[in-house]
Amino acid sequence: MTENQIAAVIVDAAFKIHKTLGPGLLESVYEAALRYELQKRGLKVIQQLGIPVQYEGLNLGLGFRVDLLVSDKVVIEIKSIEALAPVHRKQVETYLRLMDLRLGLLINFNVELIKNGIRRVVNRLAE
């Protein structure tokens, strides 16, 4: 599957979860539910993957944790906050660049309509 095909499955799963659970829960609840939904749909999902960071050849150790990595191609950063800030998008951009991946989804479940809480973040993705 391509990144865009995987993203379509992720968005569909996010809609189902939001419709069922609604807004206002902890990020960890949405993360677990999304992992379950994606695995149920046949996708490989790694939760809380620790990524080491290199700086000028020096291993700085664990630099960040990706909420979900789907099929080794798409990063998902989950939020349950009042509003996304520009720094949240930059966070996903940094993850994509450091992991040399092309597509990330920033999903804020704490919204009335989930379509307003989903942002695509790309890193040199061929459309």
Protein backbone atom coordinates (compact mmCIF):
# COMPACT_ATOMS: atom_id res chain seq x y z
CA MET A 1 0.00 0.00 0.00
CA THR A 2 1.12 3.54 -0.68
CA GLU A 3 1.29 6.22 1.99
CA ASN A 4 -1.92 7.79 0.67
CA GLN A 5 -3.77 4.46 0.72
CA ILE A 6 -2.63 3.84 4.30
CA ALA A 7 -3.69 7.38 5.25
CA ALA A 8 -7.19 6.73 3.87
CA VAL A 9 -7.53 3.68 6.14
CA ILE A 10 -6.24 5.68 9.13
CA VAL A 11 -8.70 8.52 8.53
CA ASP A 12 -11.59 6.08 8.22
CA ALA A 13 -10.58 4.41 11.50
CA ALA A 14 -10.25 7.81 13.22
CA PHE A 15 -13.78 8.72 12.10
CA LYS A 16 -15.13 5.45 13.54
CA ILE A 17 -13.33 5.93 16.85
CA HIS A 18 -14.46 9.56 17.21
CA LYS A 19 -18.06 8.65 16.39
CA THR A 20 -17.99 5.85 18.97
CA LEU A 21 -16.02 7.46 21.82
CA GLY A 22 -16.46 11.19 21.18
CA PRO A 23 -14.05 13.94 22.29
CA GLY A 24 -12.58 14.58 25.74
CA LEU A 25 -10.70 11.38 26.59
CA LEU A 26 -6.99 10.91 27.20
CA GLU A 27 -4.64 10.66 24.22
CA SER A 28 -3.64 7.18 25.37
CA VAL A 29 -7.23 5.96 24.95
CA TYR A 30 -7.41 7.18 21.34
CA GLU A 31 -3.94 5.79 20.65
CA ALA A 32 -4.90 2.32 21.89
CA ALA A 33 -8.21 2.38 20.01
CA LEU A 34 -6.54 3.51 16.78
CA ARG A 35 -3.84 0.86 17.09
CA TYR A 36 -6.57 -1.78 17.57
CA GLU A 37 -8.66 -0.53 14.61
CA LEU A 38 -5.67 -0.42 12.26
CA GLN A 39 -4.44 -3.87 13.25
CA LYS A 40 -7.98 -5.20 12.82
CA ARG A 41 -7.85 -3.83 9.27
CA GLY A 42 -4.64 -5.75 8.56
CA LEU A 43 -2.06 -2.99 8.97
CA LYS A 44 1.22 -3.36 10.86
CA VAL A 45 1.25 -0.87 13.75
CA ILE A 46 4.07 -0.06 16.16
CA GLN A 47 3.05 1.96 19.21
CA GLN A 48 5.36 4.35 21.10
CA LEU A 49 8.38 3.59 18.92
CA GLY A 50 11.50 5.17 20.40
CA ILE A 51 13.74 6.88 17.85
CA PRO A 52 17.39 7.71 18.60
CA VAL A 53 18.76 10.99 17.29
CA GLN A 54 22.17 11.54 15.68
CA TYR A 55 23.94 14.88 15.70
CA GLU A 56 27.18 15.27 13.74
CA GLY A 57 27.82 11.55 14.07
CA LEU A 58 27.14 11.53 17.81
CA ASN A 59 24.34 9.29 19.05
CA LEU A 60 22.31 11.44 21.44
CA GLY A 61 20.15 8.53 22.55
CA LEU A 62 16.40 8.47 22.53
CA GLY A 63 15.19 11.68 20.94
CA PHE A 64 11.45 11.11 20.65
CA ARG A 65 8.67 8.53 20.63
CA VAL A 66 6.29 8.19 17.72
CA ASP A 67 2.72 7.57 18.91
CA LEU A 68 2.02 5.16 16.04
CA LEU A 69 4.03 4.04 13.02
CA VAL A 70 1.85 2.34 10.42
CA SER A 71 3.27 -0.13 7.89
CA ASP A 72 6.72 1.45 8.35
CA LYS A 73 5.48 4.36 6.20
CA VAL A 74 3.08 6.70 8.02
CA VAL A 75 3.63 8.47 11.35
CA ILE A 76 0.61 9.32 13.50
CA GLU A 77 0.82 11.92 16.24
CA ILE A 78 -2.27 11.89 18.46
CA LYS A 79 -3.53 14.83 20.48
CA SER A 80 -6.56 15.43 22.69
CA ILE A 81 -6.26 19.17 23.24
CA GLU A 82 -8.37 22.29 22.82
CA ALA A 83 -6.59 23.43 19.67
CA LEU A 84 -3.58 22.41 17.59
CA ALA A 85 -0.70 24.88 17.59
CA PRO A 86 1.82 25.41 14.76
CA VAL A 87 4.47 23.65 16.86
CA HIS A 88 2.49 20.39 16.67
CA ARG A 89 2.81 20.38 12.88
CA LYS A 90 6.53 21.19 13.19
CA GLN A 91 6.88 18.26 15.59
CA VAL A 92 5.53 15.84 12.96
CA GLU A 93 7.69 17.45 10.25
CA THR A 94 10.76 16.83 12.43
CA TYR A 95 9.75 13.20 13.01
CA LEU A 96 9.34 12.64 9.27
CA ARG A 97 12.66 14.26 8.42
CA LEU A 98 14.62 12.37 11.08
CA MET A 99 12.99 9.04 10.13
CA ASP A 100 13.25 9.76 6.38
CA LEU A 101 9.53 9.13 5.92
CA ARG A 102 7.11 10.95 3.62
CA LEU A 103 3.72 11.21 5.37
CA GLY A 104 2.44 11.91 8.83
CA LEU A 105 -1.01 12.52 10.24
CA LEU A 106 -1.60 14.84 13.16
CA ILE A 107 -4.94 13.86 14.71
CA ASN A 108 -6.63 15.87 17.46
CA PHE A 109 -9.57 13.87 18.83
CA ASN A 110 -10.74 16.68 21.12
CA VAL A 111 -12.89 18.36 18.47
CA GLU A 112 -16.60 18.37 17.70
CA LEU A 113 -16.05 17.13 14.13
CA ILE A 114 -13.05 14.85 13.60
CA LYS A 115 -12.53 16.15 10.05
CA ASN A 116 -11.49 19.44 11.70
CA GLY A 117 -8.89 17.64 13.82
CA ILE A 118 -6.94 15.82 11.09
CA ARG A 119 -3.89 17.40 9.42
CA ARG A 120 -1.68 15.82 6.76
CA VAL A 121 2.01 16.57 7.09
CA VAL A 122 4.27 15.72 4.16
CA ASN A 123 8.00 15.42 3.67
CA ARG A 124 8.77 15.27 -0.08
CA LEU A 125 5.79 12.98 -0.77
CA ALA A 126 5.08 12.26 -4.43
CA GLU A 127 1.32 12.75 -4.82
